[in-house]
Amino acid sequence: MDKGKVFTIGLWAILGVNYLFDFSSWVNYFAVLLLAIHLIEYVVFFKRIKDSEDNLFYGFLMTLIFGVLYIQPLKK
């Protein structure tokens, strides 16, 4: 796993802890914004995800978690 994906998993872990303990509402807004951006990425790159060897649900999860880090290496 590359450094970008490790960083992303760490970021999501921090966002999850903040959601559970509510340290800052701004961090929760950032998490919602990040989820919205990744949902838009899924819609924009749907054809590339569909044409990949992965199934759609796996592609959806990976796009929500990693975003462009998952989409970049997929075939065009």
C-alpha atoms as a PDB file:
ATOM      1  CA  MET A   1       0.000   0.000   0.000  1.00  0.00           C
ATOM      2  CA  ASP A   2       1.457   3.363  -0.964  1.00  0.00           C
ATOM      3  CA  LYS A   3       1.920   6.366   1.305  1.00  0.00           C
ATOM      4  CA  GLY A   4      -1.112   8.197  -0.075  1.00  0.00           C
ATOM      5  CA  LYS A   5      -3.466   5.373   0.829  1.00  0.00           C
ATOM      6  CA  VAL A   6      -1.938   5.002   4.297  1.00  0.00           C
ATOM      7  CA  PHE A   7      -2.378   8.747   4.843  1.00  0.00           C
ATOM      8  CA  THR A   8      -5.989   8.535   3.637  1.00  0.00           C
ATOM      9  CA  ILE A   9      -6.808   5.682   6.013  1.00  0.00           C
ATOM     10  CA  GLY A  10      -5.268   7.690   8.859  1.00  0.00           C
ATOM     11  CA  LEU A  11      -7.309  10.735   7.876  1.00  0.00           C
ATOM     12  CA  TRP A  12     -10.547   8.723   7.840  1.00  0.00           C
ATOM     13  CA  ALA A  13      -9.634   7.247  11.244  1.00  0.00           C
ATOM     14  CA  ILE A  14      -9.159  10.740  12.683  1.00  0.00           C
ATOM     15  CA  LEU A  15     -12.441  11.881  11.138  1.00  0.00           C
ATOM     16  CA  GLY A  16     -14.205   8.835  12.598  1.00  0.00           C
ATOM     17  CA  VAL A  17     -12.829   9.472  16.085  1.00  0.00           C
ATOM     18  CA  ASN A  18     -13.892  13.107  15.830  1.00  0.00           C
ATOM     19  CA  TYR A  19     -17.387  12.007  14.808  1.00  0.00           C
ATOM     20  CA  LEU A  20     -17.642   9.710  17.834  1.00  0.00           C
ATOM     21  CA  PHE A  21     -16.293  12.178  20.406  1.00  0.00           C
ATOM     22  CA  ASP A  22     -17.198  15.486  18.683  1.00  0.00           C
ATOM     23  CA  PHE A  23     -14.002  17.420  19.340  1.00  0.00           C
ATOM     24  CA  SER A  24     -14.735  19.956  16.604  1.00  0.00           C
ATOM     25  CA  SER A  25     -17.787  20.453  14.431  1.00  0.00           C
ATOM     26  CA  TRP A  26     -15.552  21.865  11.671  1.00  0.00           C
ATOM     27  CA  VAL A  27     -13.846  18.509  11.311  1.00  0.00           C
ATOM     28  CA  ASN A  28     -17.263  16.885  10.890  1.00  0.00           C
ATOM     29  CA  TYR A  29     -18.090  19.401   8.151  1.00  0.00           C
ATOM     30  CA  PHE A  30     -14.797  18.522   6.462  1.00  0.00           C
ATOM     31  CA  ALA A  31     -15.713  14.821   6.605  1.00  0.00           C
ATOM     32  CA  VAL A  32     -19.100  15.489   4.993  1.00  0.00           C
ATOM     33  CA  LEU A  33     -17.427  17.608   2.313  1.00  0.00           C
ATOM     34  CA  LEU A  34     -14.903  14.852   1.631  1.00  0.00           C
ATOM     35  CA  LEU A  35     -17.681  12.262   1.326  1.00  0.00           C
ATOM     36  CA  ALA A  36     -19.610  14.525  -1.054  1.00  0.00           C
ATOM     37  CA  ILE A  37     -16.531  15.032  -3.238  1.00  0.00           C
ATOM     38  CA  HIS A  38     -15.924  11.285  -3.394  1.00  0.00           C
ATOM     39  CA  LEU A  39     -19.572  10.651  -4.304  1.00  0.00           C
ATOM     40  CA  ILE A  40     -19.220  13.128  -7.164  1.00  0.00           C
ATOM     41  CA  GLU A  41     -16.010  11.358  -8.240  1.00  0.00           C
ATOM     42  CA  TYR A  42     -17.901   8.068  -8.317  1.00  0.00           C
ATOM     43  CA  VAL A  43     -20.553   9.541 -10.603  1.00  0.00           C
ATOM     44  CA  VAL A  44     -18.015  11.271 -12.863  1.00  0.00           C
ATOM     45  CA  PHE A  45     -15.773   8.199 -13.191  1.00  0.00           C
ATOM     46  CA  PHE A  46     -18.576   5.613 -13.146  1.00  0.00           C
ATOM     47  CA  LYS A  47     -17.774   4.282 -16.629  1.00  0.00           C
ATOM     48  CA  ARG A  48     -14.109   3.751 -15.740  1.00  0.00           C
ATOM     49  CA  ILE A  49     -15.084   1.988 -12.495  1.00  0.00           C
ATOM     50  CA  LYS A  50     -17.677  -0.133 -14.290  1.00  0.00           C
ATOM     51  CA  ASP A  51     -15.178  -1.157 -16.976  1.00  0.00           C
ATOM     52  CA  SER A  52     -12.585  -2.192 -14.394  1.00  0.00           C
ATOM     53  CA  GLU A  53     -12.170  -5.765 -13.219  1.00  0.00           C
ATOM     54  CA  ASP A  54     -13.617  -4.874  -9.798  1.00  0.00           C
ATOM     55  CA  ASN A  55     -17.332  -5.126  -9.111  1.00  0.00           C
ATOM     56  CA  LEU A  56     -19.339  -1.921  -8.708  1.00  0.00           C
ATOM     57  CA  PHE A  57     -19.797  -2.169  -4.939  1.00  0.00           C
ATOM     58  CA  TYR A  58     -16.063  -2.627  -4.379  1.00  0.00           C
ATOM     59  CA  GLY A  59     -15.377   0.278  -6.727  1.00  0.00           C
ATOM     60  CA  PHE A  60     -17.889   2.406  -4.838  1.00  0.00           C
ATOM     61  CA  LEU A  61     -16.270   1.644  -1.471  1.00  0.00           C
ATOM     62  CA  MET A  62     -12.759   2.235  -2.760  1.00  0.00           C
ATOM     63  CA  THR A  63     -13.824   5.534  -4.337  1.00  0.00           C
ATOM     64  CA  LEU A  64     -15.453   6.662  -1.081  1.00  0.00           C
ATOM     65  CA  ILE A  65     -12.351   5.775   0.901  1.00  0.00           C
ATOM     66  CA  PHE A  66      -9.491   6.629  -1.478  1.00  0.00           C
ATOM     67  CA  GLY A  67     -11.060   8.790  -4.193  1.00  0.00           C
ATOM     68  CA  VAL A  68      -8.684   9.613  -7.005  1.00  0.00           C
ATOM     69  CA  LEU A  69      -5.992   7.337  -5.549  1.00  0.00           C
ATOM     70  CA  TYR A  70      -8.222   4.390  -6.487  1.00  0.00           C
ATOM     71  CA  ILE A  71      -9.441   5.799  -9.805  1.00  0.00           C
ATOM     72  CA  GLN A  72      -6.063   6.874 -11.261  1.00  0.00           C
ATOM     73  CA  PRO A  73      -4.636   3.407 -11.981  1.00  0.00           C
ATOM     74  CA  LEU A  74      -7.870   2.107 -13.570  1.00  0.00           C
ATOM     75  CA  LYS A  75      -7.914   1.614 -17.333  1.00  0.00           C
ATOM     76  CA  LYS A  76      -9.376   4.473 -19.360  1.00  0.00           C
END
